[in-house]
């Protein structure tokens, strides 16, 4: 196949997976600290 853009979904899903690691840490910290701002940021990023 010649269309290199065929791999875009795989690229995006790796980027999403990497981002989810960071999001999980943010969510843990926000929940433990009971931070409204942190939890709101967590929800927005997840969305």
ModelCIF file with pLDDT and N, C-alpha, C, O atoms, coordinates in Angstrom:
data_MODEL
#
_entry.id   MODEL 
#
_entity.id                         1 
_entity.type                       polymer 
_entity.pdbx_number_of_molecules   1 
#
_entity_poly.entity_id                      1 
_entity_poly.type                           'polypeptide(L)' 
_entity_poly.nstd_linkage                   no 
_entity_poly.nstd_monomer                   no 
_entity_poly.pdbx_seq_one_letter_code       
;(UNK)(UNK)(UNK)(UNK)(UNK)(UNK)(UNK)(UNK)(UNK)(UNK)(UNK)(UNK)(UNK)(UNK)(UNK)(UNK)
(UNK)(UNK)(UNK)(UNK)(UNK)(UNK)(UNK)(UNK)(UNK)(UNK)(UNK)(UNK)(UNK)(UNK)(UNK)(UNK)
(UNK)(UNK)(UNK)(UNK)(UNK)(UNK)(UNK)(UNK)(UNK)(UNK)(UNK)(UNK)(UNK)(UNK)(UNK)
;
_entity_poly.pdbx_seq_one_letter_code_can   XXXXXXXXXXXXXXXXXXXXXXXXXXXXXXXXXXXXXXXXXXXXXXX 
_entity_poly.pdbx_strand_id                 A 
#
loop_
_entity_poly_seq.entity_id 
_entity_poly_seq.num 
_entity_poly_seq.mon_id 
_entity_poly_seq.hetero 
1 1  UNK n 
1 2  UNK n 
1 3  UNK n 
1 4  UNK n 
1 5  UNK n 
1 6  UNK n 
1 7  UNK n 
1 8  UNK n 
1 9  UNK n 
1 10 UNK n 
1 11 UNK n 
1 12 UNK n 
1 13 UNK n 
1 14 UNK n 
1 15 UNK n 
1 16 UNK n 
1 17 UNK n 
1 18 UNK n 
1 19 UNK n 
1 20 UNK n 
1 21 UNK n 
1 22 UNK n 
1 23 UNK n 
1 24 UNK n 
1 25 UNK n 
1 26 UNK n 
1 27 UNK n 
1 28 UNK n 
1 29 UNK n 
1 30 UNK n 
1 31 UNK n 
1 32 UNK n 
1 33 UNK n 
1 34 UNK n 
1 35 UNK n 
1 36 UNK n 
1 37 UNK n 
1 38 UNK n 
1 39 UNK n 
1 40 UNK n 
1 41 UNK n 
1 42 UNK n 
1 43 UNK n 
1 44 UNK n 
1 45 UNK n 
1 46 UNK n 
1 47 UNK n 
#
_struct_asym.id          A 
_struct_asym.entity_id   1 
#
loop_
_ma_qa_metric.id 
_ma_qa_metric.mode 
_ma_qa_metric.name 
_ma_qa_metric.software_group_id 
_ma_qa_metric.type 
1 global pLDDT . pLDDT 
2 local  pLDDT . pLDDT 
#
_ma_qa_metric_global.metric_id      1 
_ma_qa_metric_global.metric_value   73.66 
_ma_qa_metric_global.model_id       1 
_ma_qa_metric_global.ordinal_id     1 
#
loop_
_ma_qa_metric_local.label_asym_id 
_ma_qa_metric_local.label_comp_id 
_ma_qa_metric_local.label_seq_id 
_ma_qa_metric_local.metric_id 
_ma_qa_metric_local.metric_value 
_ma_qa_metric_local.model_id 
_ma_qa_metric_local.ordinal_id 
A UNK 1  2 67.00 1 1  
A UNK 2  2 62.00 1 2  
A UNK 3  2 60.00 1 3  
A UNK 4  2 60.00 1 4  
A UNK 5  2 63.00 1 5  
A UNK 6  2 66.00 1 6  
A UNK 7  2 70.00 1 7  
A UNK 8  2 75.00 1 8  
A UNK 9  2 76.00 1 9  
A UNK 10 2 76.00 1 10 
A UNK 11 2 79.00 1 11 
A UNK 12 2 79.00 1 12 
A UNK 13 2 79.00 1 13 
A UNK 14 2 81.00 1 14 
A UNK 15 2 82.00 1 15 
A UNK 16 2 79.00 1 16 
A UNK 17 2 79.00 1 17 
A UNK 18 2 80.00 1 18 
A UNK 19 2 79.00 1 19 
A UNK 20 2 76.00 1 20 
A UNK 21 2 77.00 1 21 
A UNK 22 2 77.00 1 22 
A UNK 23 2 75.00 1 23 
A UNK 24 2 73.00 1 24 
A UNK 25 2 75.00 1 25 
A UNK 26 2 72.00 1 26 
A UNK 27 2 71.00 1 27 
A UNK 28 2 73.00 1 28 
A UNK 29 2 74.00 1 29 
A UNK 30 2 67.00 1 30 
A UNK 31 2 68.00 1 31 
A UNK 32 2 69.00 1 32 
A UNK 33 2 69.00 1 33 
A UNK 34 2 65.00 1 34 
A UNK 35 2 66.00 1 35 
A UNK 36 2 71.00 1 36 
A UNK 37 2 75.00 1 37 
A UNK 38 2 70.00 1 38 
A UNK 39 2 73.00 1 39 
A UNK 40 2 77.00 1 40 
A UNK 41 2 77.00 1 41 
A UNK 42 2 75.00 1 42 
A UNK 43 2 79.00 1 43 
A UNK 44 2 82.00 1 44 
A UNK 45 2 80.00 1 45 
A UNK 46 2 80.00 1 46 
A UNK 47 2 84.00 1 47 
#
loop_
_atom_site.group_PDB 
_atom_site.id 
_atom_site.type_symbol 
_atom_site.label_atom_id 
_atom_site.label_alt_id 
_atom_site.label_comp_id 
_atom_site.label_asym_id 
_atom_site.label_entity_id 
_atom_site.label_seq_id 
_atom_site.pdbx_PDB_ins_code 
_atom_site.Cartn_x 
_atom_site.Cartn_y 
_atom_site.Cartn_z 
_atom_site.occupancy 
_atom_site.B_iso_or_equiv 
_atom_site.pdbx_formal_charge 
_atom_site.auth_seq_id 
_atom_site.auth_comp_id 
_atom_site.auth_asym_id 
_atom_site.auth_atom_id 
_atom_site.pdbx_PDB_model_num 
ATOM 1   N N  . UNK A 1 1  ? 0.855   -1.192 0.000  1.00 67.00 ? 1  UNK A N  1 
ATOM 2   C CA . UNK A 1 1  ? 0.000   0.000  0.000  1.00 67.00 ? 1  UNK A CA 1 
ATOM 3   C C  . UNK A 1 1  ? 0.890   1.241  0.000  1.00 67.00 ? 1  UNK A C  1 
ATOM 4   O O  . UNK A 1 1  ? 1.976   1.237  0.581  1.00 67.00 ? 1  UNK A O  1 
ATOM 5   N N  . UNK A 1 2  ? 0.422   2.295  -0.654 1.00 62.00 ? 2  UNK A N  1 
ATOM 6   C CA . UNK A 1 2  ? 1.232   3.487  -0.862 1.00 62.00 ? 2  UNK A CA 1 
ATOM 7   C C  . UNK A 1 2  ? 0.774   4.665  -0.010 1.00 62.00 ? 2  UNK A C  1 
ATOM 8   O O  . UNK A 1 2  ? 1.506   5.645  0.130  1.00 62.00 ? 2  UNK A O  1 
ATOM 9   N N  . UNK A 1 3  ? -0.406  4.585  0.552  1.00 60.00 ? 3  UNK A N  1 
ATOM 10  C CA . UNK A 1 3  ? -0.956  5.691  1.342  1.00 60.00 ? 3  UNK A CA 1 
ATOM 11  C C  . UNK A 1 3  ? -0.411  5.623  2.765  1.00 60.00 ? 3  UNK A C  1 
ATOM 12  O O  . UNK A 1 3  ? -0.864  4.810  3.571  1.00 60.00 ? 3  UNK A O  1 
ATOM 13  N N  . UNK A 1 4  ? 0.571   6.484  3.073  1.00 60.00 ? 4  UNK A N  1 
ATOM 14  C CA . UNK A 1 4  ? 1.179   6.466  4.408  1.00 60.00 ? 4  UNK A CA 1 
ATOM 15  C C  . UNK A 1 4  ? 0.184   6.891  5.483  1.00 60.00 ? 4  UNK A C  1 
ATOM 16  O O  . UNK A 1 4  ? 0.377   6.593  6.662  1.00 60.00 ? 4  UNK A O  1 
ATOM 17  N N  . UNK A 1 5  ? -0.876  7.583  5.081  1.00 63.00 ? 5  UNK A N  1 
ATOM 18  C CA . UNK A 1 5  ? -1.860  8.055  6.054  1.00 63.00 ? 5  UNK A CA 1 
ATOM 19  C C  . UNK A 1 5  ? -2.685  6.911  6.631  1.00 63.00 ? 5  UNK A C  1 
ATOM 20  O O  . UNK A 1 5  ? -3.457  7.105  7.569  1.00 63.00 ? 5  UNK A O  1 
ATOM 21  N N  . UNK A 1 6  ? -2.517  5.714  6.064  1.00 66.00 ? 6  UNK A N  1 
ATOM 22  C CA . UNK A 1 6  ? -3.219  4.550  6.606  1.00 66.00 ? 6  UNK A CA 1 
ATOM 23  C C  . UNK A 1 6  ? -2.822  4.290  8.044  1.00 66.00 ? 6  UNK A C  1 
ATOM 24  O O  . UNK A 1 6  ? -3.595  3.710  8.806  1.00 66.00 ? 6  UNK A O  1 
ATOM 25  N N  . UNK A 1 7  ? -1.622  4.714  8.426  1.00 70.00 ? 7  UNK A N  1 
ATOM 26  C CA . UNK A 1 7  ? -1.123  4.467  9.777  1.00 70.00 ? 7  UNK A CA 1 
ATOM 27  C C  . UNK A 1 7  ? -1.541  5.547  10.773 1.00 70.00 ? 7  UNK A C  1 
ATOM 28  O O  . UNK A 1 7  ? -1.189  5.462  11.949 1.00 70.00 ? 7  UNK A O  1 
ATOM 29  N N  . UNK A 1 8  ? -2.281  6.554  10.329 1.00 75.00 ? 8  UNK A N  1 
ATOM 30  C CA . UNK A 1 8  ? -2.695  7.631  11.237 1.00 75.00 ? 8  UNK A CA 1 
ATOM 31  C C  . UNK A 1 8  ? -3.442  7.093  12.461 1.00 75.00 ? 8  UNK A C  1 
ATOM 32  O O  . UNK A 1 8  ? -3.132  7.515  13.575 1.00 75.00 ? 8  UNK A O  1 
ATOM 33  N N  . UNK A 1 9  ? -4.419  6.175  12.306 1.00 76.00 ? 9  UNK A N  1 
ATOM 34  C CA . UNK A 1 9  ? -5.102  5.661  13.505 1.00 76.00 ? 9  UNK A CA 1 
ATOM 35  C C  . UNK A 1 9  ? -4.145  5.030  14.509 1.00 76.00 ? 9  UNK A C  1 
ATOM 36  O O  . UNK A 1 9  ? -4.325  5.192  15.716 1.00 76.00 ? 9  UNK A O  1 
ATOM 37  N N  . UNK A 1 10 ? -3.122  4.307  14.026 1.00 76.00 ? 10 UNK A N  1 
ATOM 38  C CA . UNK A 1 10 ? -2.158  3.690  14.935 1.00 76.00 ? 10 UNK A CA 1 
ATOM 39  C C  . UNK A 1 10 ? -1.324  4.751  15.652 1.00 76.00 ? 10 UNK A C  1 
ATOM 40  O O  . UNK A 1 10 ? -1.042  4.620  16.843 1.00 76.00 ? 10 UNK A O  1 
ATOM 41  N N  . UNK A 1 11 ? -0.932  5.799  14.928 1.00 79.00 ? 11 UNK A N  1 
ATOM 42  C CA . UNK A 1 11 ? -0.158  6.896  15.532 1.00 79.00 ? 11 UNK A CA 1 
ATOM 43  C C  . UNK A 1 11 ? -0.970  7.567  16.629 1.00 79.00 ? 11 UNK A C  1 
ATOM 44  O O  . UNK A 1 11 ? -0.470  7.820  17.725 1.00 79.00 ? 11 UNK A O  1 
ATOM 45  N N  . UNK A 1 12 ? -2.237  7.855  16.315 1.00 79.00 ? 12 UNK A N  1 
ATOM 46  C CA . UNK A 1 12 ? -3.105  8.537  17.272 1.00 79.00 ? 12 UNK A CA 1 
ATOM 47  C C  . UNK A 1 12 ? -3.332  7.674  18.510 1.00 79.00 ? 12 UNK A C  1 
ATOM 48  O O  . UNK A 1 12 ? -3.338  8.181  19.632 1.00 79.00 ? 12 UNK A O  1 
ATOM 49  N N  . UNK A 1 13 ? -3.518  6.371  18.305 1.00 79.00 ? 13 UNK A N  1 
ATOM 50  C CA . UNK A 1 13 ? -3.832  5.507  19.446 1.00 79.00 ? 13 UNK A CA 1 
ATOM 51  C C  . UNK A 1 13 ? -2.619  5.362  20.368 1.00 79.00 ? 13 UNK A C  1 
ATOM 52  O O  . UNK A 1 13 ? -2.790  5.210  21.578 1.00 79.00 ? 13 UNK A O  1 
ATOM 53  N N  . UNK A 1 14 ? -1.403  5.405  19.825 1.00 81.00 ? 14 UNK A N  1 
ATOM 54  C CA . UNK A 1 14 ? -0.203  5.398  20.666 1.00 81.00 ? 14 UNK A CA 1 
ATOM 55  C C  . UNK A 1 14 ? -0.106  6.701  21.452 1.00 81.00 ? 14 UNK A C  1 
ATOM 56  O O  . UNK A 1 14 ? 0.226   6.701  22.637 1.00 81.00 ? 14 UNK A O  1 
ATOM 57  N N  . UNK A 1 15 ? -0.401  7.815  20.775 1.00 82.00 ? 15 UNK A N  1 
ATOM 58  C CA . UNK A 1 15 ? -0.375  9.116  21.453 1.00 82.00 ? 15 UNK A CA 1 
ATOM 59  C C  . UNK A 1 15 ? -1.415  9.162  22.574 1.00 82.00 ? 15 UNK A C  1 
ATOM 60  O O  . UNK A 1 15 ? -1.146  9.680  23.658 1.00 82.00 ? 15 UNK A O  1 
ATOM 61  N N  . UNK A 1 16 ? -2.602  8.619  22.306 1.00 79.00 ? 16 UNK A N  1 
ATOM 62  C CA . UNK A 1 16 ? -3.654  8.580  23.323 1.00 79.00 ? 16 UNK A CA 1 
ATOM 63  C C  . UNK A 1 16 ? -3.225  7.701  24.504 1.00 79.00 ? 16 UNK A C  1 
ATOM 64  O O  . UNK A 1 16 ? -3.458  8.050  25.661 1.00 79.00 ? 16 UNK A O  1 
ATOM 65  N N  . UNK A 1 17 ? -2.599  6.567  24.202 1.00 79.00 ? 17 UNK A N  1 
ATOM 66  C CA . UNK A 1 17 ? -2.138  5.682  25.265 1.00 79.00 ? 17 UNK A CA 1 
ATOM 67  C C  . UNK A 1 17 ? -1.110  6.363  26.156 1.00 79.00 ? 17 UNK A C  1 
ATOM 68  O O  . UNK A 1 17 ? -1.163  6.235  27.379 1.00 79.00 ? 17 UNK A O  1 
ATOM 69  N N  . UNK A 1 18 ? -0.181  7.084  25.551 1.00 80.00 ? 18 UNK A N  1 
ATOM 70  C CA . UNK A 1 18 ? 0.827   7.824  26.318 1.00 80.00 ? 18 UNK A CA 1 
ATOM 71  C C  . UNK A 1 18 ? 0.172   8.896  27.179 1.00 80.00 ? 18 UNK A C  1 
ATOM 72  O O  . UNK A 1 18 ? 0.529   9.086  28.342 1.00 80.00 ? 18 UNK A O  1 
ATOM 73  N N  . UNK A 1 19 ? -0.799  9.595  26.582 1.00 79.00 ? 19 UNK A N  1 
ATOM 74  C CA . UNK A 1 19 ? -1.491  10.655 27.317 1.00 79.00 ? 19 UNK A CA 1 
ATOM 75  C C  . UNK A 1 19 ? -2.295  10.097 28.487 1.00 79.00 ? 19 UNK A C  1 
ATOM 76  O O  . UNK A 1 19 ? -2.415  10.748 29.525 1.00 79.00 ? 19 UNK A O  1 
ATOM 77  N N  . UNK A 1 20 ? -2.847  8.894  28.326 1.00 76.00 ? 20 UNK A N  1 
ATOM 78  C CA . UNK A 1 20 ? -3.647  8.302  29.397 1.00 76.00 ? 20 UNK A CA 1 
ATOM 79  C C  . UNK A 1 20 ? -2.811  8.013  30.643 1.00 76.00 ? 20 UNK A C  1 
ATOM 80  O O  . UNK A 1 20 ? -3.322  8.084  31.760 1.00 76.00 ? 20 UNK A O  1 
ATOM 81  N N  . UNK A 1 21 ? -1.531  7.688  30.459 1.00 77.00 ? 21 UNK A N  1 
ATOM 82  C CA . UNK A 1 21 ? -0.650  7.512  31.617 1.00 77.00 ? 21 UNK A CA 1 
ATOM 83  C C  . UNK A 1 21 ? -0.622  8.793  32.456 1.00 77.00 ? 21 UNK A C  1 
ATOM 84  O O  . UNK A 1 21 ? -0.755  8.762  33.679 1.00 77.00 ? 21 UNK A O  1 
ATOM 85  N N  . UNK A 1 22 ? -0.443  9.920  31.759 1.00 77.00 ? 22 UNK A N  1 
ATOM 86  C CA . UNK A 1 22 ? -0.369  11.218 32.445 1.00 77.00 ? 22 UNK A CA 1 
ATOM 87  C C  . UNK A 1 22 ? -1.717  11.571 33.071 1.00 77.00 ? 22 UNK A C  1 
ATOM 88  O O  . UNK A 1 22 ? -1.780  12.073 34.194 1.00 77.00 ? 22 UNK A O  1 
ATOM 89  N N  . UNK A 1 23 ? -2.795  11.301 32.327 1.00 75.00 ? 23 UNK A N  1 
ATOM 90  C CA . UNK A 1 23 ? -4.136  11.601 32.835 1.00 75.00 ? 23 UNK A CA 1 
ATOM 91  C C  . UNK A 1 23 ? -4.433  10.800 34.106 1.00 75.00 ? 23 UNK A C  1 
ATOM 92  O O  . UNK A 1 23 ? -5.016  11.317 35.058 1.00 75.00 ? 23 UNK A O  1 
ATOM 93  N N  . UNK A 1 24 ? -4.018  9.518  34.101 1.00 73.00 ? 24 UNK A N  1 
ATOM 94  C CA . UNK A 1 24 ? -4.231  8.691  35.287 1.00 73.00 ? 24 UNK A CA 1 
ATOM 95  C C  . UNK A 1 24 ? -3.542  9.260  36.512 1.00 73.00 ? 24 UNK A C  1 
ATOM 96  O O  . UNK A 1 24 ? -4.099  9.231  37.609 1.00 73.00 ? 24 UNK A O  1 
ATOM 97  N N  . UNK A 1 25 ? -2.331  9.777  36.334 1.00 75.00 ? 25 UNK A N  1 
ATOM 98  C CA . UNK A 1 25 ? -1.598  10.388 37.452 1.00 75.00 ? 25 UNK A CA 1 
ATOM 99  C C  . UNK A 1 25 ? -2.299  11.655 37.940 1.00 75.00 ? 25 UNK A C  1 
ATOM 100 O O  . UNK A 1 25 ? -2.408  11.893 39.142 1.00 75.00 ? 25 UNK A O  1 
ATOM 101 N N  . UNK A 1 26 ? -2.773  12.467 36.985 1.00 72.00 ? 26 UNK A N  1 
ATOM 102 C CA . UNK A 1 26 ? -3.498  13.693 37.351 1.00 72.00 ? 26 UNK A CA 1 
ATOM 103 C C  . UNK A 1 26 ? -4.758  13.350 38.135 1.00 72.00 ? 26 UNK A C  1 
ATOM 104 O O  . UNK A 1 26 ? -5.067  13.991 39.140 1.00 72.00 ? 26 UNK A O  1 
ATOM 105 N N  . UNK A 1 27 ? -5.489  12.328 37.669 1.00 71.00 ? 27 UNK A N  1 
ATOM 106 C CA . UNK A 1 27 ? -6.711  11.932 38.346 1.00 71.00 ? 27 UNK A CA 1 
ATOM 107 C C  . UNK A 1 27 ? -6.452  11.429 39.757 1.00 71.00 ? 27 UNK A C  1 
ATOM 108 O O  . UNK A 1 27 ? -7.200  11.747 40.681 1.00 71.00 ? 27 UNK A O  1 
ATOM 109 N N  . UNK A 1 28 ? -5.378  10.631 39.927 1.00 73.00 ? 28 UNK A N  1 
ATOM 110 C CA . UNK A 1 28 ? -5.030  10.132 41.267 1.00 73.00 ? 28 UNK A CA 1 
ATOM 111 C C  . UNK A 1 28 ? -4.701  11.278 42.215 1.00 73.00 ? 28 UNK A C  1 
ATOM 112 O O  . UNK A 1 28 ? -5.200  11.327 43.339 1.00 73.00 ? 28 UNK A O  1 
ATOM 113 N N  . UNK A 1 29 ? -3.855  12.203 41.754 1.00 74.00 ? 29 UNK A N  1 
ATOM 114 C CA . UNK A 1 29 ? -3.454  13.339 42.597 1.00 74.00 ? 29 UNK A CA 1 
ATOM 115 C C  . UNK A 1 29 ? -4.655  14.218 42.946 1.00 74.00 ? 29 UNK A C  1 
ATOM 116 O O  . UNK A 1 29 ? -4.802  14.655 44.087 1.00 74.00 ? 29 UNK A O  1 
ATOM 117 N N  . UNK A 1 30 ? -5.513  14.474 41.953 1.00 67.00 ? 30 UNK A N  1 
ATOM 118 C CA . UNK A 1 30 ? -6.671  15.335 42.183 1.00 67.00 ? 30 UNK A CA 1 
ATOM 119 C C  . UNK A 1 30 ? -7.643  14.699 43.171 1.00 67.00 ? 30 UNK A C  1 
ATOM 120 O O  . UNK A 1 30 ? -8.228  15.392 44.003 1.00 67.00 ? 30 UNK A O  1 
ATOM 121 N N  . UNK A 1 31 ? -7.815  13.381 43.081 1.00 68.00 ? 31 UNK A N  1 
ATOM 122 C CA . UNK A 1 31 ? -8.736  12.681 43.978 1.00 68.00 ? 31 UNK A CA 1 
ATOM 123 C C  . UNK A 1 31 ? -8.197  12.647 45.403 1.00 68.00 ? 31 UNK A C  1 
ATOM 124 O O  . UNK A 1 31 ? -8.932  12.891 46.360 1.00 68.00 ? 31 UNK A O  1 
ATOM 125 N N  . UNK A 1 32 ? -6.906  12.342 45.538 1.00 69.00 ? 32 UNK A N  1 
ATOM 126 C CA . UNK A 1 32 ? -6.297  12.274 46.875 1.00 69.00 ? 32 UNK A CA 1 
ATOM 127 C C  . UNK A 1 32 ? -6.327  13.646 47.556 1.00 69.00 ? 32 UNK A C  1 
ATOM 128 O O  . UNK A 1 32 ? -6.616  13.754 48.748 1.00 69.00 ? 32 UNK A O  1 
ATOM 129 N N  . UNK A 1 33 ? -6.024  14.695 46.778 1.00 69.00 ? 33 UNK A N  1 
ATOM 130 C CA . UNK A 1 33 ? -5.988  16.051 47.337 1.00 69.00 ? 33 UNK A CA 1 
ATOM 131 C C  . UNK A 1 33 ? -7.376  16.678 47.407 1.00 69.00 ? 33 UNK A C  1 
ATOM 132 O O  . UNK A 1 33 ? -7.545  17.765 47.961 1.00 69.00 ? 33 UNK A O  1 
ATOM 133 N N  . UNK A 1 34 ? -8.372  15.987 46.843 1.00 65.00 ? 34 UNK A N  1 
ATOM 134 C CA . UNK A 1 34 ? -9.752  16.491 46.803 1.00 65.00 ? 34 UNK A CA 1 
ATOM 135 C C  . UNK A 1 34 ? -9.816  17.882 46.181 1.00 65.00 ? 34 UNK A C  1 
ATOM 136 O O  . UNK A 1 34 ? -10.473 18.789 46.690 1.00 65.00 ? 34 UNK A O  1 
ATOM 137 N N  . UNK A 1 35 ? -9.112  18.013 45.066 1.00 66.00 ? 35 UNK A N  1 
ATOM 138 C CA . UNK A 1 35 ? -9.031  19.294 44.368 1.00 66.00 ? 35 UNK A CA 1 
ATOM 139 C C  . UNK A 1 35 ? -10.125 19.394 43.311 1.00 66.00 ? 35 UNK A C  1 
ATOM 140 O O  . UNK A 1 35 ? -10.167 18.599 42.372 1.00 66.00 ? 35 UNK A O  1 
ATOM 141 N N  . UNK A 1 36 ? -11.009 20.376 43.473 1.00 71.00 ? 36 UNK A N  1 
ATOM 142 C CA . UNK A 1 36 ? -12.067 20.589 42.478 1.00 71.00 ? 36 UNK A CA 1 
ATOM 143 C C  . UNK A 1 36 ? -11.472 20.977 41.134 1.00 71.00 ? 36 UNK A C  1 
ATOM 144 O O  . UNK A 1 36 ? -11.909 20.500 40.088 1.00 71.00 ? 36 UNK A O  1 
ATOM 145 N N  . UNK A 1 37 ? -10.487 21.834 41.173 1.00 75.00 ? 37 UNK A N  1 
ATOM 146 C CA . UNK A 1 37 ? -9.849  22.284 39.932 1.00 75.00 ? 37 UNK A CA 1 
ATOM 147 C C  . UNK A 1 37 ? -9.173  21.114 39.229 1.00 75.00 ? 37 UNK A C  1 
ATOM 148 O O  . UNK A 1 37 ? -9.280  20.963 38.012 1.00 75.00 ? 37 UNK A O  1 
ATOM 149 N N  . UNK A 1 38 ? -8.470  20.283 40.012 1.00 70.00 ? 38 UNK A N  1 
ATOM 150 C CA . UNK A 1 38 ? -7.799  19.127 39.432 1.00 70.00 ? 38 UNK A CA 1 
ATOM 151 C C  . UNK A 1 38 ? -8.775  18.129 38.834 1.00 70.00 ? 38 UNK A C  1 
ATOM 152 O O  . UNK A 1 38 ? -8.534  17.596 37.752 1.00 70.00 ? 38 UNK A O  1 
ATOM 153 N N  . UNK A 1 39 ? -9.880  17.873 39.535 1.00 73.00 ? 39 UNK A N  1 
ATOM 154 C CA . UNK A 1 39 ? -10.878 16.931 39.029 1.00 73.00 ? 39 UNK A CA 1 
ATOM 155 C C  . UNK A 1 39 ? -11.575 17.482 37.786 1.00 73.00 ? 39 UNK A C  1 
ATOM 156 O O  . UNK A 1 39 ? -11.861 16.743 36.844 1.00 73.00 ? 39 UNK A O  1 
ATOM 157 N N  . UNK A 1 40 ? -11.843 18.788 37.794 1.00 77.00 ? 40 UNK A N  1 
ATOM 158 C CA . UNK A 1 40 ? -12.472 19.404 36.623 1.00 77.00 ? 40 UNK A CA 1 
ATOM 159 C C  . UNK A 1 40 ? -11.539 19.309 35.410 1.00 77.00 ? 40 UNK A C  1 
ATOM 160 O O  . UNK A 1 40 ? -11.983 19.018 34.299 1.00 77.00 ? 40 UNK A O  1 
ATOM 161 N N  . UNK A 1 41 ? -10.240 19.558 35.634 1.00 77.00 ? 41 UNK A N  1 
ATOM 162 C CA . UNK A 1 41 ? -9.259  19.433 34.554 1.00 77.00 ? 41 UNK A CA 1 
ATOM 163 C C  . UNK A 1 41 ? -9.195  17.992 34.054 1.00 77.00 ? 41 UNK A C  1 
ATOM 164 O O  . UNK A 1 41 ? -9.090  17.741 32.853 1.00 77.00 ? 41 UNK A O  1 
ATOM 165 N N  . UNK A 1 42 ? -9.260  17.050 34.997 1.00 75.00 ? 42 UNK A N  1 
ATOM 166 C CA . UNK A 1 42 ? -9.246  15.630 34.664 1.00 75.00 ? 42 UNK A CA 1 
ATOM 167 C C  . UNK A 1 42 ? -10.410 15.267 33.751 1.00 75.00 ? 42 UNK A C  1 
ATOM 168 O O  . UNK A 1 42 ? -10.229 14.558 32.762 1.00 75.00 ? 42 UNK A O  1 
ATOM 169 N N  . UNK A 1 43 ? -11.601 15.751 34.080 1.00 79.00 ? 43 UNK A N  1 
ATOM 170 C CA . UNK A 1 43 ? -12.794 15.458 33.283 1.00 79.00 ? 43 UNK A CA 1 
ATOM 171 C C  . UNK A 1 43 ? -12.674 16.074 31.883 1.00 79.00 ? 43 UNK A C  1 
ATOM 172 O O  . UNK A 1 43 ? -13.018 15.432 30.891 1.00 79.00 ? 43 UNK A O  1 
ATOM 173 N N  . UNK A 1 44 ? -12.191 17.307 31.807 1.00 82.00 ? 44 UNK A N  1 
ATOM 174 C CA . UNK A 1 44 ? -12.069 17.988 30.511 1.00 82.00 ? 44 UNK A CA 1 
ATOM 175 C C  . UNK A 1 44 ? -11.081 17.268 29.601 1.00 82.00 ? 44 UNK A C  1 
ATOM 176 O O  . UNK A 1 44 ? -11.344 17.069 28.415 1.00 82.00 ? 44 UNK A O  1 
ATOM 177 N N  . UNK A 1 45 ? -9.925  16.875 30.177 1.00 80.00 ? 45 UNK A N  1 
ATOM 178 C CA . UNK A 1 45 ? -8.924  16.162 29.372 1.00 80.00 ? 45 UNK A CA 1 
ATOM 179 C C  . UNK A 1 45 ? -9.472  14.815 28.913 1.00 80.00 ? 45 UNK A C  1 
ATOM 180 O O  . UNK A 1 45 ? -9.275  14.417 27.765 1.00 80.00 ? 45 UNK A O  1 
ATOM 181 N N  . UNK A 1 46 ? -10.162 14.113 29.814 1.00 80.00 ? 46 UNK A N  1 
ATOM 182 C CA . UNK A 1 46 ? -10.757 12.826 29.430 1.00 80.00 ? 46 UNK A CA 1 
ATOM 183 C C  . UNK A 1 46 ? -11.768 13.003 28.301 1.00 80.00 ? 46 UNK A C  1 
ATOM 184 O O  . UNK A 1 46 ? -11.852 12.175 27.394 1.00 80.00 ? 46 UNK A O  1 
ATOM 185 N N  . UNK A 1 47 ? -12.534 14.091 28.368 1.00 84.00 ? 47 UNK A N  1 
ATOM 186 C CA . UNK A 1 47 ? -13.514 14.355 27.312 1.00 84.00 ? 47 UNK A CA 1 
ATOM 187 C C  . UNK A 1 47 ? -12.820 14.576 25.975 1.00 84.00 ? 47 UNK A C  1 
ATOM 188 O O  . UNK A 1 47 ? -13.485 14.813 24.966 1.00 84.00 ? 47 UNK A O  1 
#
